[in-house]
């Protein structure tokens, strides 16, 4: 009987054209499938929890697949990591029910967006932070983030040209929490929701930067939401500052905080 396994992993997205397979472009799916094939002896179809874009990272990510291999779950991470590039790491493996799906069984996902608020880049964070200058004001950004919480039509925070059909037929999403913290020169935006529109987190991050820079007011957020117009919100923040940070399921949660 085939086993159904779920892997907990993390990756630095800088060198990849997103998670999903693409022709003539290196993706995370490709290198994970290569490693699984090397370990279990067959190339298996894998399901990922999120279709991350080119350059986006994952502190926490779930992949599920079926296999005939009898390798114990506790031994799989070490075996797979021996065949993976150093910017992709597997941390755990577990058996899951046959009906489990890494994407569709997910209850909620949380993203982290990192901003370096400094006049120069740091060589230690330039691949994972968006550098912004002049100085940002924390409290207005926190107020704006709080106003984005709840169940709303987030059309204003969806990439221009995206179809409603591509978003699952609805542009309504529920943001469970949205916090902004400052640690020295770094601002960390942490948002958890039941789902996301295309570029939604990056547009929210770009809008909060406009608020922090004084070019927009936090009180504009309700009007931006009701406008249902992409032109009402701020710019789309760069992909490199974004990372999938937590994935929740009924029976387990993958939390990438320890990978920061």
C-alpha atoms as a PDB file:
ATOM      1  CA  UNK A   1       0.000   0.000   0.000  1.00  0.00           C
ATOM      2  CA  UNK A   2       1.365   3.407  -0.955  1.00  0.00           C
ATOM      3  CA  UNK A   3       2.122   5.812   1.855  1.00  0.00           C
ATOM      4  CA  UNK A   4       1.056   9.449   1.765  1.00  0.00           C
ATOM      5  CA  UNK A   5       3.741  11.715   3.199  1.00  0.00           C
ATOM      6  CA  UNK A   6       3.951  15.411   4.031  1.00  0.00           C
ATOM      7  CA  UNK A   7       7.312  17.187   4.190  1.00  0.00           C
ATOM      8  CA  UNK A   8       8.051  20.337   6.186  1.00  0.00           C
ATOM      9  CA  UNK A   9      10.692  22.391   4.393  1.00  0.00           C
ATOM     10  CA  UNK A  10      12.104  25.862   3.884  1.00  0.00           C
ATOM     11  CA  UNK A  11      13.831  27.542   0.972  1.00  0.00           C
ATOM     12  CA  UNK A  12      15.535  30.729  -0.118  1.00  0.00           C
ATOM     13  CA  UNK A  13      13.706  31.710  -3.291  1.00  0.00           C
ATOM     14  CA  UNK A  14      16.368  33.966  -4.811  1.00  0.00           C
ATOM     15  CA  UNK A  15      17.632  31.410  -7.306  1.00  0.00           C
ATOM     16  CA  UNK A  16      14.251  29.992  -8.322  1.00  0.00           C
ATOM     17  CA  UNK A  17      11.402  30.969 -10.617  1.00  0.00           C
ATOM     18  CA  UNK A  18       8.833  30.185  -7.943  1.00  0.00           C
ATOM     19  CA  UNK A  19       7.595  26.839  -6.669  1.00  0.00           C
ATOM     20  CA  UNK A  20       5.531  25.518  -9.585  1.00  0.00           C
ATOM     21  CA  UNK A  21       7.176  23.680 -12.500  1.00  0.00           C
ATOM     22  CA  UNK A  22       8.022  25.908 -15.461  1.00  0.00           C
ATOM     23  CA  UNK A  23       9.571  25.106 -18.812  1.00  0.00           C
ATOM     24  CA  UNK A  24      13.185  26.264 -19.182  1.00  0.00           C
ATOM     25  CA  UNK A  25      13.312  27.709 -15.655  1.00  0.00           C
ATOM     26  CA  UNK A  26      14.566  26.235 -12.391  1.00  0.00           C
ATOM     27  CA  UNK A  27      11.850  25.885  -9.742  1.00  0.00           C
ATOM     28  CA  UNK A  28      11.644  24.528  -6.204  1.00  0.00           C
ATOM     29  CA  UNK A  29       9.368  21.698  -7.381  1.00  0.00           C
ATOM     30  CA  UNK A  30      12.059  20.474  -9.738  1.00  0.00           C
ATOM     31  CA  UNK A  31      14.812  20.202  -7.140  1.00  0.00           C
ATOM     32  CA  UNK A  32      12.486  18.611  -4.556  1.00  0.00           C
ATOM     33  CA  UNK A  33      11.267  16.046  -7.082  1.00  0.00           C
ATOM     34  CA  UNK A  34      14.875  15.321  -8.064  1.00  0.00           C
ATOM     35  CA  UNK A  35      15.784  14.669  -4.416  1.00  0.00           C
ATOM     36  CA  UNK A  36      12.750  12.447  -3.808  1.00  0.00           C
ATOM     37  CA  UNK A  37      13.550  10.436  -6.943  1.00  0.00           C
ATOM     38  CA  UNK A  38      17.148   9.968  -5.807  1.00  0.00           C
ATOM     39  CA  UNK A  39      16.038   8.711  -2.386  1.00  0.00           C
ATOM     40  CA  UNK A  40      12.943   6.574  -3.142  1.00  0.00           C
ATOM     41  CA  UNK A  41      13.886   5.449  -6.657  1.00  0.00           C
ATOM     42  CA  UNK A  42      10.897   6.893  -8.530  1.00  0.00           C
ATOM     43  CA  UNK A  43       9.860  10.372  -9.637  1.00  0.00           C
ATOM     44  CA  UNK A  44       6.702  11.254  -7.716  1.00  0.00           C
ATOM     45  CA  UNK A  45       4.165  14.005  -8.324  1.00  0.00           C
ATOM     46  CA  UNK A  46       4.223  16.481  -5.450  1.00  0.00           C
ATOM     47  CA  UNK A  47       1.611  18.929  -4.177  1.00  0.00           C
ATOM     48  CA  UNK A  48       2.753  22.231  -2.669  1.00  0.00           C
ATOM     49  CA  UNK A  49       0.875  24.381  -0.167  1.00  0.00           C
ATOM     50  CA  UNK A  50       1.369  27.644  -2.083  1.00  0.00           C
ATOM     51  CA  UNK A  51       2.277  28.836  -5.575  1.00  0.00           C
ATOM     52  CA  UNK A  52       5.017  31.216  -4.490  1.00  0.00           C
ATOM     53  CA  UNK A  53       6.314  33.625  -7.156  1.00  0.00           C
ATOM     54  CA  UNK A  54       9.844  33.947  -8.452  1.00  0.00           C
ATOM     55  CA  UNK A  55      12.129  35.279  -5.731  1.00  0.00           C
ATOM     56  CA  UNK A  56       9.681  34.659  -2.864  1.00  0.00           C
ATOM     57  CA  UNK A  57      11.004  32.613   0.058  1.00  0.00           C
ATOM     58  CA  UNK A  58       9.511  30.078   2.465  1.00  0.00           C
ATOM     59  CA  UNK A  59      10.405  29.808   6.133  1.00  0.00           C
ATOM     60  CA  UNK A  60       7.686  27.159   6.377  1.00  0.00           C
ATOM     61  CA  UNK A  61       6.328  25.099   3.494  1.00  0.00           C
ATOM     62  CA  UNK A  62       4.436  21.808   3.070  1.00  0.00           C
ATOM     63  CA  UNK A  63       4.779  19.300   0.245  1.00  0.00           C
ATOM     64  CA  UNK A  64       2.735  16.100   0.017  1.00  0.00           C
ATOM     65  CA  UNK A  65       3.276  13.041  -2.171  1.00  0.00           C
ATOM     66  CA  UNK A  66       2.549   9.313  -2.413  1.00  0.00           C
ATOM     67  CA  UNK A  67       5.349   6.757  -2.366  1.00  0.00           C
ATOM     68  CA  UNK A  68       5.967   3.003  -2.168  1.00  0.00           C
ATOM     69  CA  UNK A  69       9.130   3.654  -0.156  1.00  0.00           C
ATOM     70  CA  UNK A  70       9.276   2.185   3.345  1.00  0.00           C
ATOM     71  CA  UNK A  71      11.990   4.578   4.567  1.00  0.00           C
ATOM     72  CA  UNK A  72      10.998   5.702   8.089  1.00  0.00           C
ATOM     73  CA  UNK A  73       9.794   9.309   8.320  1.00  0.00           C
ATOM     74  CA  UNK A  74      12.476  10.222  10.847  1.00  0.00           C
ATOM     75  CA  UNK A  75      15.197   9.253   8.343  1.00  0.00           C
ATOM     76  CA  UNK A  76      13.763  10.990   5.273  1.00  0.00           C
ATOM     77  CA  UNK A  77      14.890  14.593   5.999  1.00  0.00           C
ATOM     78  CA  UNK A  78      18.563  13.659   6.262  1.00  0.00           C
ATOM     79  CA  UNK A  79      18.355  11.490   3.150  1.00  0.00           C
ATOM     80  CA  UNK A  80      16.596  14.168   1.095  1.00  0.00           C
ATOM     81  CA  UNK A  81      18.878  16.986   2.250  1.00  0.00           C
ATOM     82  CA  UNK A  82      21.853  15.019   0.946  1.00  0.00           C
ATOM     83  CA  UNK A  83      20.397  15.462  -2.550  1.00  0.00           C
ATOM     84  CA  UNK A  84      19.047  19.009  -2.224  1.00  0.00           C
ATOM     85  CA  UNK A  85      20.857  22.292  -2.891  1.00  0.00           C
ATOM     86  CA  UNK A  86      21.796  24.181   0.258  1.00  0.00           C
ATOM     87  CA  UNK A  87      19.072  26.799  -0.253  1.00  0.00           C
ATOM     88  CA  UNK A  88      16.352  24.141   0.190  1.00  0.00           C
ATOM     89  CA  UNK A  89      16.103  22.128   3.429  1.00  0.00           C
ATOM     90  CA  UNK A  90      13.657  19.476   4.668  1.00  0.00           C
ATOM     91  CA  UNK A  91      13.061  19.533   8.437  1.00  0.00           C
ATOM     92  CA  UNK A  92      10.443  16.844   9.023  1.00  0.00           C
ATOM     93  CA  UNK A  93       8.330  14.155   7.357  1.00  0.00           C
ATOM     94  CA  UNK A  94       5.036  12.672   8.567  1.00  0.00           C
ATOM     95  CA  UNK A  95       2.397  10.277   7.278  1.00  0.00           C
ATOM     96  CA  UNK A  96      -0.927  11.935   6.426  1.00  0.00           C
ATOM     97  CA  UNK A  97      -4.375  10.594   5.414  1.00  0.00           C
ATOM     98  CA  UNK A  98      -4.998   9.645   1.794  1.00  0.00           C
ATOM     99  CA  UNK A  99      -7.302  12.634   1.281  1.00  0.00           C
ATOM    100  CA  UNK A 100      -4.787  15.178   2.575  1.00  0.00           C
ATOM    101  CA  UNK A 101      -3.713  17.882   0.110  1.00  0.00           C
ATOM    102  CA  UNK A 102      -0.884  20.280   0.957  1.00  0.00           C
ATOM    103  CA  UNK A 103      -2.784  23.210  -0.543  1.00  0.00           C
ATOM    104  CA  UNK A 104      -6.492  22.458  -0.193  1.00  0.00           C
ATOM    105  CA  UNK A 105      -6.307  20.984   3.321  1.00  0.00           C
ATOM    106  CA  UNK A 106      -4.668  24.173   4.580  1.00  0.00           C
ATOM    107  CA  UNK A 107      -6.731  26.171   7.106  1.00  0.00           C
ATOM    108  CA  UNK A 108      -4.659  29.344   7.009  1.00  0.00           C
ATOM    109  CA  UNK A 109      -1.299  30.652   5.872  1.00  0.00           C
ATOM    110  CA  UNK A 110       0.827  33.433   7.318  1.00  0.00           C
ATOM    111  CA  UNK A 111       3.345  35.543   5.433  1.00  0.00           C
ATOM    112  CA  UNK A 112       6.217  37.655   6.694  1.00  0.00           C
ATOM    113  CA  UNK A 113       7.343  40.741   4.800  1.00  0.00           C
ATOM    114  CA  UNK A 114      10.709  42.208   5.837  1.00  0.00           C
ATOM    115  CA  UNK A 115      11.742  45.822   5.225  1.00  0.00           C
ATOM    116  CA  UNK A 116      15.192  47.215   5.912  1.00  0.00           C
ATOM    117  CA  UNK A 117      14.685  50.878   6.785  1.00  0.00           C
ATOM    118  CA  UNK A 118      18.194  52.207   6.233  1.00  0.00           C
ATOM    119  CA  UNK A 119      20.130  54.338   3.726  1.00  0.00           C
ATOM    120  CA  UNK A 120      22.195  51.329   2.571  1.00  0.00           C
ATOM    121  CA  UNK A 121      21.641  47.624   2.038  1.00  0.00           C
ATOM    122  CA  UNK A 122      23.160  45.066   4.362  1.00  0.00           C
ATOM    123  CA  UNK A 123      25.041  42.210   2.681  1.00  0.00           C
ATOM    124  CA  UNK A 124      23.415  39.903   5.238  1.00  0.00           C
ATOM    125  CA  UNK A 125      19.801  40.813   4.438  1.00  0.00           C
ATOM    126  CA  UNK A 126      19.767  42.218   0.900  1.00  0.00           C
ATOM    127  CA  UNK A 127      18.305  38.983  -0.548  1.00  0.00           C
ATOM    128  CA  UNK A 128      15.436  38.800   1.966  1.00  0.00           C
ATOM    129  CA  UNK A 129      14.594  42.456   2.728  1.00  0.00           C
ATOM    130  CA  UNK A 130      13.251  45.385   0.745  1.00  0.00           C
ATOM    131  CA  UNK A 131      15.418  48.407   1.569  1.00  0.00           C
ATOM    132  CA  UNK A 132      13.405  51.590   2.056  1.00  0.00           C
ATOM    133  CA  UNK A 133      14.599  55.095   2.929  1.00  0.00           C
ATOM    134  CA  UNK A 134      13.861  57.753   4.365  1.00  0.00           C
ATOM    135  CA  UNK A 135      12.778  56.708   7.839  1.00  0.00           C
ATOM    136  CA  UNK A 136       9.355  55.100   8.313  1.00  0.00           C
ATOM    137  CA  UNK A 137       6.923  55.822  11.162  1.00  0.00           C
ATOM    138  CA  UNK A 138       5.881  52.648  12.969  1.00  0.00           C
ATOM    139  CA  UNK A 139       2.575  53.646  14.604  1.00  0.00           C
ATOM    140  CA  UNK A 140       0.749  54.761  11.421  1.00  0.00           C
ATOM    141  CA  UNK A 141       1.776  51.475   9.778  1.00  0.00           C
ATOM    142  CA  UNK A 142       0.386  49.539  12.744  1.00  0.00           C
ATOM    143  CA  UNK A 143      -2.908  51.428  12.529  1.00  0.00           C
ATOM    144  CA  UNK A 144      -3.164  50.731   8.803  1.00  0.00           C
ATOM    145  CA  UNK A 145      -2.431  47.026   9.330  1.00  0.00           C
ATOM    146  CA  UNK A 146      -5.187  46.790  11.963  1.00  0.00           C
ATOM    147  CA  UNK A 147      -7.687  48.321   9.527  1.00  0.00           C
ATOM    148  CA  UNK A 148      -6.907  45.598   6.984  1.00  0.00           C
ATOM    149  CA  UNK A 149      -7.967  42.856   9.410  1.00  0.00           C
ATOM    150  CA  UNK A 150     -11.342  41.177   9.007  1.00  0.00           C
ATOM    151  CA  UNK A 151     -13.433  39.935   6.090  1.00  0.00           C
ATOM    152  CA  UNK A 152     -13.210  42.316   3.121  1.00  0.00           C
ATOM    153  CA  UNK A 153     -13.245  42.475  -0.643  1.00  0.00           C
ATOM    154  CA  UNK A 154      -9.522  42.893  -1.324  1.00  0.00           C
ATOM    155  CA  UNK A 155      -9.855  43.783  -5.035  1.00  0.00           C
ATOM    156  CA  UNK A 156      -7.807  46.934  -4.440  1.00  0.00           C
ATOM    157  CA  UNK A 157      -4.961  44.698  -3.261  1.00  0.00           C
ATOM    158  CA  UNK A 158      -4.997  42.319  -6.247  1.00  0.00           C
ATOM    159  CA  UNK A 159      -2.497  42.577  -9.098  1.00  0.00           C
ATOM    160  CA  UNK A 160      -3.822  44.513 -12.086  1.00  0.00           C
ATOM    161  CA  UNK A 161      -4.986  42.218 -14.855  1.00  0.00           C
ATOM    162  CA  UNK A 162      -5.787  39.299 -12.545  1.00  0.00           C
ATOM    163  CA  UNK A 163      -9.132  37.619 -13.177  1.00  0.00           C
ATOM    164  CA  UNK A 164     -11.638  36.824 -10.442  1.00  0.00           C
ATOM    165  CA  UNK A 165     -11.783  33.270 -11.804  1.00  0.00           C
ATOM    166  CA  UNK A 166      -8.052  32.877 -11.162  1.00  0.00           C
ATOM    167  CA  UNK A 167      -8.679  33.894  -7.530  1.00  0.00           C
ATOM    168  CA  UNK A 168     -11.212  31.111  -6.953  1.00  0.00           C
ATOM    169  CA  UNK A 169     -14.246  33.086  -8.106  1.00  0.00           C
ATOM    170  CA  UNK A 170     -14.216  35.624  -5.278  1.00  0.00           C
ATOM    171  CA  UNK A 171     -12.007  38.498  -4.145  1.00  0.00           C
ATOM    172  CA  UNK A 172     -13.290  38.314  -0.552  1.00  0.00           C
ATOM    173  CA  UNK A 173     -10.737  37.103   1.977  1.00  0.00           C
ATOM    174  CA  UNK A 174     -10.506  37.110   5.783  1.00  0.00           C
ATOM    175  CA  UNK A 175      -7.346  38.508   7.367  1.00  0.00           C
ATOM    176  CA  UNK A 176      -7.134  36.994  10.847  1.00  0.00           C
ATOM    177  CA  UNK A 177      -4.245  39.155  12.053  1.00  0.00           C
ATOM    178  CA  UNK A 178      -1.819  41.736  10.691  1.00  0.00           C
ATOM    179  CA  UNK A 179       0.996  43.086  12.866  1.00  0.00           C
ATOM    180  CA  UNK A 180       3.935  45.400  12.260  1.00  0.00           C
ATOM    181  CA  UNK A 181       6.998  45.221  14.488  1.00  0.00           C
ATOM    182  CA  UNK A 182      10.288  47.112  14.389  1.00  0.00           C
ATOM    183  CA  UNK A 183      13.569  45.478  15.373  1.00  0.00           C
ATOM    184  CA  UNK A 184      16.336  48.016  14.938  1.00  0.00           C
ATOM    185  CA  UNK A 185      16.414  49.025  11.283  1.00  0.00           C
ATOM    186  CA  UNK A 186      14.105  46.174  10.254  1.00  0.00           C
ATOM    187  CA  UNK A 187      10.321  46.313  10.003  1.00  0.00           C
ATOM    188  CA  UNK A 188       8.530  42.962  10.028  1.00  0.00           C
ATOM    189  CA  UNK A 189       5.002  42.739   8.666  1.00  0.00           C
ATOM    190  CA  UNK A 190       3.256  39.502   9.667  1.00  0.00           C
ATOM    191  CA  UNK A 191      -0.155  38.697   8.165  1.00  0.00           C
ATOM    192  CA  UNK A 192      -2.293  35.577   8.539  1.00  0.00           C
ATOM    193  CA  UNK A 193      -5.389  34.944   6.417  1.00  0.00           C
ATOM    194  CA  UNK A 194      -7.619  32.193   5.103  1.00  0.00           C
ATOM    195  CA  UNK A 195      -6.375  32.922   1.590  1.00  0.00           C
ATOM    196  CA  UNK A 196      -4.724  35.548  -0.605  1.00  0.00           C
ATOM    197  CA  UNK A 197      -5.228  37.229  -3.941  1.00  0.00           C
ATOM    198  CA  UNK A 198      -2.392  37.488  -6.454  1.00  0.00           C
ATOM    199  CA  UNK A 199       0.255  39.880  -5.039  1.00  0.00           C
ATOM    200  CA  UNK A 200      -2.076  40.754  -2.135  1.00  0.00           C
ATOM    201  CA  UNK A 201       0.579  40.730   0.604  1.00  0.00           C
ATOM    202  CA  UNK A 202       3.098  42.600  -1.532  1.00  0.00           C
ATOM    203  CA  UNK A 203       0.542  45.313  -2.333  1.00  0.00           C
ATOM    204  CA  UNK A 204      -0.437  45.586   1.336  1.00  0.00           C
ATOM    205  CA  UNK A 205       3.268  45.922   2.212  1.00  0.00           C
ATOM    206  CA  UNK A 206       3.733  48.623  -0.426  1.00  0.00           C
ATOM    207  CA  UNK A 207       0.687  50.469   0.896  1.00  0.00           C
ATOM    208  CA  UNK A 208       1.934  50.330   4.499  1.00  0.00           C
ATOM    209  CA  UNK A 209       5.282  51.754   3.384  1.00  0.00           C
ATOM    210  CA  UNK A 210       3.419  54.669   1.774  1.00  0.00           C
ATOM    211  CA  UNK A 211       1.667  55.209   5.114  1.00  0.00           C
ATOM    212  CA  UNK A 212       4.910  54.948   7.085  1.00  0.00           C
ATOM    213  CA  UNK A 213       6.583  57.433   4.750  1.00  0.00           C
ATOM    214  CA  UNK A 214       3.737  59.933   5.189  1.00  0.00           C
ATOM    215  CA  UNK A 215       2.601  59.776   1.563  1.00  0.00           C
ATOM    216  CA  UNK A 216      -0.695  58.131   2.571  1.00  0.00           C
ATOM    217  CA  UNK A 217      -2.764  58.258   5.758  1.00  0.00           C
ATOM    218  CA  UNK A 218      -3.746  55.130   7.691  1.00  0.00           C
ATOM    219  CA  UNK A 219      -7.320  56.474   7.735  1.00  0.00           C
ATOM    220  CA  UNK A 220      -7.443  55.982   3.951  1.00  0.00           C
ATOM    221  CA  UNK A 221      -7.470  52.179   4.305  1.00  0.00           C
ATOM    222  CA  UNK A 222     -11.283  51.768   4.560  1.00  0.00           C
ATOM    223  CA  UNK A 223     -11.745  53.918   1.441  1.00  0.00           C
ATOM    224  CA  UNK A 224      -9.109  51.904  -0.413  1.00  0.00           C
ATOM    225  CA  UNK A 225     -10.939  48.684   0.449  1.00  0.00           C
ATOM    226  CA  UNK A 226     -14.357  49.960  -0.632  1.00  0.00           C
ATOM    227  CA  UNK A 227     -12.930  51.378  -3.883  1.00  0.00           C
ATOM    228  CA  UNK A 228     -12.260  47.851  -5.242  1.00  0.00           C
ATOM    229  CA  UNK A 229      -9.718  49.524  -7.525  1.00  0.00           C
ATOM    230  CA  UNK A 230      -6.061  48.504  -7.773  1.00  0.00           C
ATOM    231  CA  UNK A 231      -5.140  52.125  -8.450  1.00  0.00           C
ATOM    232  CA  UNK A 232      -6.367  53.171  -4.999  1.00  0.00           C
ATOM    233  CA  UNK A 233      -3.703  51.182  -3.104  1.00  0.00           C
ATOM    234  CA  UNK A 234       0.055  51.628  -2.906  1.00  0.00           C
ATOM    235  CA  UNK A 235       2.783  50.059  -5.068  1.00  0.00           C
ATOM    236  CA  UNK A 236       3.614  46.351  -5.198  1.00  0.00           C
ATOM    237  CA  UNK A 237       6.566  45.648  -2.903  1.00  0.00           C
ATOM    238  CA  UNK A 238       9.436  43.561  -4.341  1.00  0.00           C
ATOM    239  CA  UNK A 239       9.199  39.768  -4.159  1.00  0.00           C
ATOM    240  CA  UNK A 240      12.461  39.356  -2.241  1.00  0.00           C
ATOM    241  CA  UNK A 241      11.030  40.711   1.040  1.00  0.00           C
ATOM    242  CA  UNK A 242       8.231  38.130   1.149  1.00  0.00           C
ATOM    243  CA  UNK A 243       8.344  34.715   2.841  1.00  0.00           C
ATOM    244  CA  UNK A 244       5.694  32.145   3.650  1.00  0.00           C
ATOM    245  CA  UNK A 245       6.092  31.866   7.422  1.00  0.00           C
ATOM    246  CA  UNK A 246       3.425  29.519   8.820  1.00  0.00           C
ATOM    247  CA  UNK A 247       1.020  26.906   7.445  1.00  0.00           C
ATOM    248  CA  UNK A 248      -1.852  25.528   9.550  1.00  0.00           C
ATOM    249  CA  UNK A 249      -3.707  22.239   9.111  1.00  0.00           C
ATOM    250  CA  UNK A 250      -6.268  20.464  11.283  1.00  0.00           C
ATOM    251  CA  UNK A 251      -3.701  18.111  12.794  1.00  0.00           C
ATOM    252  CA  UNK A 252      -0.424  20.044  12.631  1.00  0.00           C
ATOM    253  CA  UNK A 253       1.182  23.430  12.007  1.00  0.00           C
ATOM    254  CA  UNK A 254       4.439  24.180  10.240  1.00  0.00           C
ATOM    255  CA  UNK A 255       5.963  27.282  11.827  1.00  0.00           C
ATOM    256  CA  UNK A 256       9.067  28.809  10.292  1.00  0.00           C
ATOM    257  CA  UNK A 257       9.913  31.242  13.097  1.00  0.00           C
ATOM    258  CA  UNK A 258      12.964  29.227  14.105  1.00  0.00           C
ATOM    259  CA  UNK A 259      14.313  29.585  10.554  1.00  0.00           C
ATOM    260  CA  UNK A 260      14.576  33.382  10.743  1.00  0.00           C
END
